[in-house]
Amino acid sequence: MLGLVGGVVPGPVLAATFTEILQSGFSRSLRIILWALLVETAVALASLVALSSLGLSQSFFYALSFIGAGILVWIATQLWKIRSLDLGEKVHFGVGKIAAMILANGVLWTFWITVCIPKAIVLGGQIHYGQYLFLLLVEVGWLISTIGVALAFSWFRGILSNPQVVPFMFKLFSAIFVYFALSMLYTSTVFFLFK
């Protein structure tokens, strides 16, 4: 359930996926989803190992959110400038950019460390390698719901790629990235002020 819900919660990966659908179609957006899945799985595994052995504090992950917010604002400025789909103004979501969005998302790290990893460890105590089964199930749920939402969005691509709608849509995506950047900054600032 955590994975299914996580896949439909608006965030940087969904905004990037929707942007890619508008720019290049559904099949090209799958690349973003799959890279995001691989990087997030690495985050989950790293969190599991780190929590078990290093004992990193939440402060580290909230501090990481400041960098993540900067990355999201950088992507938002690129999206804001797009006026059409055919003038070479596309935003390229390469592996590095996708990985940076995810790795610098302190909220994601905190979610894994404070919500998922404790549940995984409990399952690991009940079933041999249960913590890894839990991680696998969360990621499969995320993948299913993210692809489902992307597919539904792609069905409306024709309407959304209208030359009069395109600038508005990319400004909307830009605003979504800025919203998540501000949300990350706010959450991290509150954490450090009231720690």
Protein backbone atom coordinates (compact mmCIF):
# COMPACT_ATOMS: atom_id res chain seq x y z
CA MET A 1 0.00 0.00 0.00
CA LEU A 2 2.82 2.43 0.78
CA GLY A 3 4.22 1.95 -2.71
CA LEU A 4 0.85 2.29 -4.45
CA VAL A 5 0.13 5.53 -2.62
CA GLY A 6 3.68 6.80 -3.10
CA GLY A 7 3.40 6.39 -6.86
CA VAL A 8 0.39 8.69 -7.14
CA VAL A 9 1.55 11.36 -4.70
CA PRO A 10 2.57 14.39 -6.77
CA GLY A 11 6.27 15.02 -6.65
CA PRO A 12 9.29 15.77 -8.79
CA VAL A 13 9.31 12.37 -10.52
CA LEU A 14 5.66 12.61 -11.59
CA ALA A 15 6.14 16.20 -12.76
CA ALA A 16 9.18 15.14 -14.79
CA THR A 17 7.24 12.17 -16.18
CA PHE A 18 4.30 14.36 -17.23
CA THR A 19 6.71 16.84 -18.81
CA GLU A 20 8.35 14.05 -20.81
CA ILE A 21 4.93 12.74 -21.93
CA LEU A 22 4.07 16.17 -23.28
CA GLN A 23 7.45 16.56 -24.96
CA SER A 24 8.03 13.07 -26.35
CA GLY A 25 5.17 10.71 -25.51
CA PHE A 26 4.40 7.98 -23.02
CA SER A 27 7.05 5.48 -24.13
CA ARG A 28 9.86 8.02 -23.55
CA SER A 29 8.49 8.78 -20.08
CA LEU A 30 9.04 5.16 -19.08
CA ARG A 31 12.79 5.88 -19.10
CA ILE A 32 12.29 8.47 -16.35
CA ILE A 33 10.10 6.11 -14.35
CA LEU A 34 12.56 3.23 -14.62
CA TRP A 35 15.59 5.36 -13.72
CA ALA A 36 13.65 6.85 -10.81
CA LEU A 37 12.77 3.32 -9.67
CA LEU A 38 16.42 2.24 -9.78
CA VAL A 39 17.65 5.32 -7.92
CA GLU A 40 14.87 5.16 -5.34
CA THR A 41 15.57 1.48 -4.78
CA ALA A 42 19.21 2.37 -4.19
CA VAL A 43 18.05 5.03 -1.70
CA ALA A 44 15.89 2.45 0.06
CA LEU A 45 18.72 -0.10 0.24
CA ALA A 46 21.19 2.54 1.39
CA SER A 47 18.71 3.68 4.04
CA LEU A 48 18.22 0.12 5.23
CA VAL A 49 21.95 -0.49 5.49
CA ALA A 50 22.67 2.95 7.00
CA LEU A 51 19.94 2.70 9.61
CA SER A 52 21.12 -0.73 10.56
CA SER A 53 24.80 0.16 10.85
CA LEU A 54 25.57 3.90 10.79
CA GLY A 55 22.82 5.50 12.83
CA LEU A 56 22.65 8.68 10.73
CA SER A 57 20.54 11.42 12.24
CA GLN A 58 17.48 13.00 10.68
CA SER A 59 19.40 16.28 10.56
CA PHE A 60 21.56 14.92 7.75
CA PHE A 61 18.52 14.19 5.58
CA TYR A 62 16.80 17.46 6.33
CA ALA A 63 20.01 19.28 5.40
CA LEU A 64 20.06 17.30 2.17
CA SER A 65 16.66 18.81 1.33
CA PHE A 66 18.24 22.25 0.95
CA ILE A 67 20.34 20.92 -1.94
CA GLY A 68 17.29 19.12 -3.35
CA ALA A 69 15.29 22.34 -3.32
CA GLY A 70 18.02 24.05 -5.33
CA ILE A 71 17.97 21.26 -7.94
CA LEU A 72 14.18 21.53 -8.26
CA VAL A 73 14.37 25.31 -8.75
CA TRP A 74 17.04 24.82 -11.43
CA ILE A 75 14.76 22.39 -13.32
CA ALA A 76 11.77 24.73 -12.82
CA THR A 77 13.61 27.60 -14.52
CA GLN A 78 14.22 25.38 -17.55
CA LEU A 79 10.57 24.34 -17.70
CA TRP A 80 9.35 27.94 -17.37
CA LYS A 81 11.11 28.92 -20.62
CA ILE A 82 9.40 26.31 -22.83
CA ARG A 83 6.85 27.82 -25.22
CA SER A 84 6.28 24.95 -27.67
CA LEU A 85 7.01 21.28 -28.16
CA ASP A 86 8.73 21.56 -31.54
CA LEU A 87 11.26 24.39 -31.28
CA GLY A 88 14.06 22.44 -29.67
CA GLU A 89 13.19 23.87 -26.25
CA LYS A 90 12.77 20.48 -24.63
CA VAL A 91 14.06 19.84 -21.16
CA HIS A 92 16.25 16.76 -21.18
CA PHE A 93 15.79 14.53 -18.16
CA GLY A 94 19.03 12.57 -18.28
CA VAL A 95 20.08 9.99 -15.76
CA GLY A 96 22.13 12.55 -13.85
CA LYS A 97 19.25 14.97 -13.49
CA ILE A 98 16.83 12.22 -12.45
CA ALA A 99 19.32 10.83 -9.94
CA ALA A 100 20.06 14.30 -8.54
CA MET A 101 16.34 15.01 -8.07
CA ILE A 102 15.89 11.81 -6.11
CA LEU A 103 19.17 11.68 -4.19
CA ALA A 104 18.80 15.27 -2.99
CA ASN A 105 15.19 14.76 -1.90
CA GLY A 106 15.63 14.70 1.85
CA VAL A 107 11.92 14.06 2.32
CA LEU A 108 12.29 10.79 0.41
CA TRP A 109 15.23 9.73 2.58
CA THR A 110 13.32 10.69 5.71
CA PHE A 111 10.23 8.80 4.51
CA TRP A 112 12.28 5.67 3.99
CA ILE A 113 14.14 6.04 7.27
CA THR A 114 11.20 6.98 9.48
CA VAL A 115 8.33 5.05 7.88
CA CYS A 116 9.44 2.25 5.59
CA ILE A 117 12.66 1.00 7.16
CA PRO A 118 11.16 0.44 10.64
CA LYS A 119 8.32 -1.56 9.03
CA ALA A 120 10.83 -3.48 6.92
CA ILE A 121 12.93 -4.33 9.98
CA VAL A 122 9.85 -5.62 11.81
CA LEU A 123 9.00 -7.85 8.83
CA GLY A 124 12.64 -8.95 8.72
CA GLY A 125 12.25 -10.16 12.30
CA GLN A 126 9.20 -12.22 11.33
CA ILE A 127 10.32 -13.59 7.94
CA HIS A 128 13.83 -14.46 6.82
CA TYR A 129 14.91 -11.56 4.53
CA GLY A 130 11.53 -9.94 5.16
CA GLN A 131 13.06 -6.46 5.12
CA TYR A 132 14.07 -6.97 1.49
CA LEU A 133 10.68 -8.44 0.61
CA PHE A 134 9.07 -5.33 2.10
CA LEU A 135 11.35 -3.07 0.04
CA LEU A 136 10.54 -5.05 -3.12
CA LEU A 137 6.79 -4.84 -2.53
CA VAL A 138 6.90 -1.08 -1.88
CA GLU A 139 8.88 -0.49 -5.09
CA VAL A 140 6.60 -2.74 -7.19
CA GLY A 141 3.58 -0.85 -5.84
CA TRP A 142 5.25 2.47 -6.66
CA LEU A 143 6.05 1.30 -10.19
CA ILE A 144 2.50 0.08 -10.87
CA SER A 145 0.81 3.25 -9.67
CA THR A 146 3.33 5.61 -11.31
CA ILE A 147 2.97 3.90 -14.70
CA GLY A 148 -0.81 3.92 -14.28
CA VAL A 149 -0.91 7.65 -13.61
CA ALA A 150 1.51 8.35 -16.49
CA LEU A 151 -0.60 6.27 -18.86
CA ALA A 152 -3.77 8.09 -17.84
CA PHE A 153 -2.01 11.43 -18.33
CA SER A 154 -0.75 10.35 -21.76
CA TRP A 155 -4.32 9.73 -22.97
CA PHE A 156 -4.90 13.49 -22.71
CA ARG A 157 -1.62 14.40 -24.43
CA GLY A 158 -3.42 15.55 -27.59
CA ILE A 159 -5.34 18.20 -25.68
CA LEU A 160 -2.37 19.13 -23.53
CA SER A 161 0.00 19.55 -26.50
CA ASN A 162 -2.16 22.22 -28.17
CA PRO A 163 0.16 25.19 -29.01
CA GLN A 164 -2.01 27.50 -26.89
CA VAL A 165 -1.93 25.13 -23.92
CA VAL A 166 1.78 24.15 -23.99
CA PRO A 167 3.25 27.30 -22.38
CA PHE A 168 0.62 27.16 -19.65
CA MET A 169 1.30 23.46 -18.97
CA PHE A 170 5.06 23.93 -18.67
CA LYS A 171 4.60 26.97 -16.43
CA LEU A 172 2.30 24.78 -14.32
CA PHE A 173 4.96 22.04 -14.14
CA SER A 174 7.55 24.68 -13.29
CA ALA A 175 5.31 25.94 -10.49
CA ILE A 176 4.90 22.37 -9.21
CA PHE A 177 8.68 21.96 -9.03
CA VAL A 178 8.97 25.29 -7.19
CA TYR A 179 6.19 24.22 -4.82
CA PHE A 180 8.09 21.04 -3.92
CA ALA A 181 11.30 23.03 -3.53
CA LEU A 182 9.57 25.46 -1.15
CA SER A 183 7.92 22.58 0.70
CA MET A 184 11.31 20.92 1.18
CA LEU A 185 12.84 24.20 2.35
CA TYR A 186 9.96 24.85 4.76
CA THR A 187 10.04 21.34 6.24
CA SER A 188 13.79 21.43 6.71
CA THR A 189 13.78 24.95 8.15
CA VAL A 190 11.05 24.06 10.65
CA PHE A 191 12.98 20.93 11.61
CA PHE A 192 16.15 22.91 12.36
CA LEU A 193 14.34 25.80 14.11
CA PHE A 194 12.33 23.59 16.45
CA LYS A 195 14.83 20.77 16.89
